[in-house]
Amino acid sequence: MEAIFKNFREAHIAGNGYQLSDTLLPISPSEEPGRLRSFFNSTNAANIKSDIQYNVLYDRQSTLRLSTEEGKAWVDVYTAYWAATGEIIKAEDAQKTNSMVNWVAVYEAWKEMTNAIIRGYSTSCFEAWTIPCLYISGKYLRIFAIKADAAGGSTDKAIDFQDDFNPDTAKNEKLEDAARVLNRMFQLCVSDRYSFF
């Protein structure tokens, strides 16, 4: 966990959005191949929120000082990221053993993280230089939606009478859902009231 939050603090102090977005990648970087697994294994579901709060808000050795609102927004993002990381690791392990991969669970967990990022922007907690985080979350949301649909993403939906006329009703369900989330991101950027000029 320390490696991700070390990069988080460095990126925040420097105002480097690309470095900050690298801490939210769903893949481990080549120079640190076990980063996702070590991040996920560094805590458990009972302690994740308090561990992240300590790293983001309360670490006295850090020179980074965030407002309470911004800090809480980042805690929500990284808590959701931790959950998504767990699903990604399960999917990677299932692929290695040629087992069934639950891409729908990966998609839903990543969507939760994406929604946490959107909430951070919609409540004006995140600054404009952090926009690459929005890009990374949207990019991989689309990728996971495609994988979920390819794996037969709609298993718990009831079939309606009108579905008889459209055999492709649930064919791209997750991708359409991802498009709605991406549209919310776009609307968020369009409706930004801050002037940067």
Protein backbone atom coordinates (compact mmCIF):
# COMPACT_ATOMS: atom_id res chain seq x y z
CA MET A 1 0.00 0.00 0.00
CA GLU A 2 2.86 2.32 0.80
CA ALA A 3 4.17 2.35 -2.79
CA ILE A 4 0.87 3.58 -4.21
CA PHE A 5 0.43 6.28 -1.59
CA LYS A 6 4.06 7.38 -1.90
CA ASN A 7 3.35 8.00 -5.60
CA PHE A 8 0.01 9.60 -4.68
CA ARG A 9 1.73 12.09 -2.35
CA GLU A 10 4.52 12.86 -4.84
CA ALA A 11 2.00 13.45 -7.64
CA HIS A 12 -0.16 15.68 -5.45
CA ILE A 13 2.77 17.78 -4.28
CA ALA A 14 4.02 18.17 -7.87
CA GLY A 15 0.53 18.67 -9.32
CA ASN A 16 1.21 15.88 -11.82
CA GLY A 17 -2.08 14.37 -12.98
CA TYR A 18 -0.46 11.68 -15.10
CA GLN A 19 1.60 10.39 -12.20
CA LEU A 20 -1.51 10.48 -10.02
CA SER A 21 -3.53 8.51 -12.59
CA ASP A 22 -0.80 5.85 -12.66
CA THR A 23 -1.73 5.02 -9.06
CA LEU A 24 -5.20 4.01 -10.31
CA LEU A 25 -4.14 1.70 -13.12
CA PRO A 26 -5.75 -1.76 -13.06
CA ILE A 27 -2.47 -3.29 -14.20
CA SER A 28 0.85 -3.43 -12.43
CA PRO A 29 3.61 -1.34 -14.02
CA SER A 30 6.50 -3.24 -15.61
CA GLU A 31 8.97 -1.86 -13.06
CA GLU A 32 6.76 -3.10 -10.21
CA PRO A 33 5.00 -6.27 -11.44
CA GLY A 34 3.40 -7.25 -8.12
CA ARG A 35 1.99 -3.84 -7.21
CA LEU A 36 -1.71 -4.69 -7.53
CA ARG A 37 -1.41 -7.88 -5.52
CA SER A 38 0.70 -6.25 -2.80
CA PHE A 39 -1.75 -3.33 -2.58
CA PHE A 40 -4.71 -5.68 -2.24
CA ASN A 41 -2.95 -7.96 0.26
CA SER A 42 -1.73 -5.05 2.41
CA THR A 43 -5.07 -4.79 4.23
CA ASN A 44 -8.49 -6.41 4.50
CA ALA A 45 -12.11 -5.38 4.01
CA ALA A 46 -12.53 -4.52 7.69
CA ASN A 47 -9.55 -2.13 7.78
CA ILE A 48 -9.34 -0.76 4.25
CA LYS A 49 -11.07 2.56 4.86
CA SER A 50 -9.09 3.39 8.02
CA ASP A 51 -5.79 2.35 6.39
CA ILE A 52 -6.45 4.60 3.41
CA GLN A 53 -7.60 7.45 5.65
CA TYR A 54 -4.32 7.22 7.51
CA ASN A 55 -2.28 7.30 4.28
CA VAL A 56 -4.26 10.14 2.71
CA LEU A 57 -5.30 12.32 5.64
CA TYR A 58 -3.49 11.54 8.87
CA ASP A 59 0.09 10.51 8.04
CA ARG A 60 2.15 13.05 9.98
CA GLN A 61 5.37 12.10 8.20
CA SER A 62 3.90 13.29 4.92
CA THR A 63 4.25 16.89 3.79
CA LEU A 64 1.00 16.62 1.82
CA ARG A 65 -1.95 18.37 3.44
CA LEU A 66 -5.36 17.99 1.80
CA SER A 67 -8.63 19.59 2.77
CA THR A 68 -10.95 17.25 4.64
CA GLU A 69 -13.42 17.16 1.74
CA GLU A 70 -10.77 16.36 -0.86
CA GLY A 71 -9.15 13.80 1.42
CA LYS A 72 -12.44 12.01 2.02
CA ALA A 73 -13.14 11.97 -1.71
CA TRP A 74 -9.74 10.35 -2.37
CA VAL A 75 -10.39 7.86 0.45
CA ASP A 76 -13.62 6.84 -1.31
CA VAL A 77 -11.79 6.49 -4.63
CA TYR A 78 -8.98 4.34 -3.24
CA THR A 79 -11.36 2.22 -1.16
CA ALA A 80 -13.30 1.42 -4.33
CA TYR A 81 -9.99 0.91 -6.16
CA TRP A 82 -8.97 -1.65 -3.53
CA ALA A 83 -12.22 -3.58 -4.09
CA ALA A 84 -11.76 -3.43 -7.87
CA THR A 85 -8.18 -4.63 -7.47
CA GLY A 86 -9.45 -7.69 -5.62
CA GLU A 87 -11.80 -8.55 -8.48
CA ILE A 88 -9.04 -7.98 -11.05
CA ILE A 89 -6.70 -10.30 -9.16
CA LYS A 90 -9.42 -12.98 -9.02
CA ALA A 91 -9.87 -12.61 -12.79
CA GLU A 92 -6.12 -12.88 -13.41
CA ASP A 93 -5.89 -15.98 -11.22
CA ALA A 94 -8.87 -17.56 -12.99
CA GLN A 95 -7.26 -16.92 -16.38
CA LYS A 96 -4.04 -18.62 -15.24
CA THR A 97 -5.96 -21.76 -14.25
CA ASN A 98 -8.29 -21.65 -17.27
CA SER A 99 -11.26 -21.20 -14.93
CA MET A 100 -14.34 -19.11 -15.57
CA VAL A 101 -13.52 -15.40 -15.26
CA ASN A 102 -16.22 -13.17 -13.76
CA TRP A 103 -15.69 -10.04 -15.84
CA VAL A 104 -19.07 -8.72 -14.71
CA ALA A 105 -17.77 -8.48 -11.12
CA VAL A 106 -14.63 -6.71 -12.38
CA TYR A 107 -16.76 -4.29 -14.39
CA GLU A 108 -19.12 -3.54 -11.49
CA ALA A 109 -16.23 -2.96 -9.06
CA TRP A 110 -14.44 -0.69 -11.53
CA LYS A 111 -17.69 1.18 -12.14
CA GLU A 112 -17.93 1.87 -8.38
CA MET A 113 -14.45 3.38 -8.45
CA THR A 114 -15.33 5.43 -11.52
CA ASN A 115 -18.45 6.72 -9.79
CA ALA A 116 -16.34 7.71 -6.76
CA ILE A 117 -14.08 9.72 -9.07
CA ILE A 118 -17.10 11.37 -10.71
CA ARG A 119 -18.45 12.29 -7.26
CA GLY A 120 -15.09 13.87 -6.42
CA TYR A 121 -15.33 16.13 -9.46
CA SER A 122 -19.03 16.88 -9.15
CA THR A 123 -18.53 18.07 -5.56
CA SER A 124 -15.56 20.22 -6.66
CA CYS A 125 -13.13 18.29 -4.47
CA PHE A 126 -10.67 17.48 -7.27
CA GLU A 127 -8.69 20.07 -9.19
CA ALA A 128 -8.40 20.25 -12.98
CA TRP A 129 -4.86 18.84 -13.06
CA THR A 130 -6.26 15.49 -11.83
CA ILE A 131 -8.31 14.97 -15.04
CA PRO A 132 -6.04 12.08 -16.19
CA CYS A 133 -7.64 10.04 -13.36
CA LEU A 134 -11.00 10.53 -15.05
CA TYR A 135 -9.50 9.37 -18.34
CA ILE A 136 -7.94 6.22 -16.84
CA SER A 137 -11.15 5.23 -15.07
CA GLY A 138 -13.24 5.75 -18.21
CA LYS A 139 -10.80 3.96 -20.49
CA TYR A 140 -10.70 0.81 -18.40
CA LEU A 141 -14.43 0.95 -17.65
CA ARG A 142 -15.02 0.55 -21.38
CA ILE A 143 -12.47 -2.28 -21.63
CA PHE A 144 -14.01 -4.18 -18.72
CA ALA A 145 -17.52 -3.62 -20.14
CA ILE A 146 -16.47 -5.19 -23.45
CA LYS A 147 -14.96 -8.17 -21.63
CA ALA A 148 -18.07 -8.55 -19.44
CA ASP A 149 -20.36 -8.52 -22.47
CA ALA A 150 -18.14 -10.97 -24.33
CA ALA A 151 -18.32 -13.33 -21.35
CA GLY A 152 -22.11 -13.17 -21.35
CA GLY A 153 -22.54 -10.31 -18.92
CA SER A 154 -26.29 -10.48 -18.44
CA THR A 155 -27.14 -13.52 -16.36
CA ASP A 156 -29.48 -12.03 -13.78
CA LYS A 157 -31.82 -10.01 -16.01
CA ALA A 158 -35.39 -11.05 -16.65
CA ILE A 159 -36.48 -11.40 -20.23
CA ASP A 160 -39.32 -9.14 -21.29
CA PHE A 161 -42.04 -9.96 -23.85
CA GLN A 162 -40.60 -7.39 -26.24
CA ASP A 163 -37.23 -9.15 -26.14
CA ASP A 164 -38.72 -11.72 -28.52
CA PHE A 165 -38.45 -9.09 -31.25
CA ASN A 166 -34.87 -8.08 -30.49
CA PRO A 167 -32.52 -11.02 -29.96
CA ASP A 168 -29.58 -8.70 -29.21
CA THR A 169 -31.28 -7.02 -26.23
CA ALA A 170 -28.64 -7.88 -23.64
CA LYS A 171 -25.76 -8.40 -26.05
CA ASN A 172 -24.01 -5.14 -25.16
CA GLU A 173 -25.63 -4.40 -21.82
CA LYS A 174 -22.43 -3.51 -19.92
CA LEU A 175 -21.04 -1.50 -22.81
CA GLU A 176 -24.25 0.54 -22.95
CA ASP A 177 -24.05 1.05 -19.19
CA ALA A 178 -20.43 2.16 -19.58
CA ALA A 179 -21.52 4.60 -22.29
CA ARG A 180 -23.96 6.18 -19.83
CA VAL A 181 -21.19 6.58 -17.25
CA LEU A 182 -18.85 8.04 -19.88
CA ASN A 183 -21.62 10.45 -20.87
CA ARG A 184 -21.83 11.57 -17.23
CA MET A 185 -18.06 12.22 -17.36
CA PHE A 186 -18.48 14.26 -20.51
CA GLN A 187 -21.34 16.26 -19.00
CA LEU A 188 -19.22 16.87 -15.93
CA CYS A 189 -16.45 18.36 -18.06
CA VAL A 190 -18.86 20.40 -20.18
CA SER A 191 -20.62 21.87 -17.18
CA ASP A 192 -17.41 22.80 -15.35
CA ARG A 193 -17.94 26.36 -14.18
CA TYR A 194 -14.33 27.16 -13.34
CA SER A 195 -12.42 29.33 -15.74
CA PHE A 196 -8.82 28.35 -16.34
CA PHE A 197 -7.98 31.25 -18.64
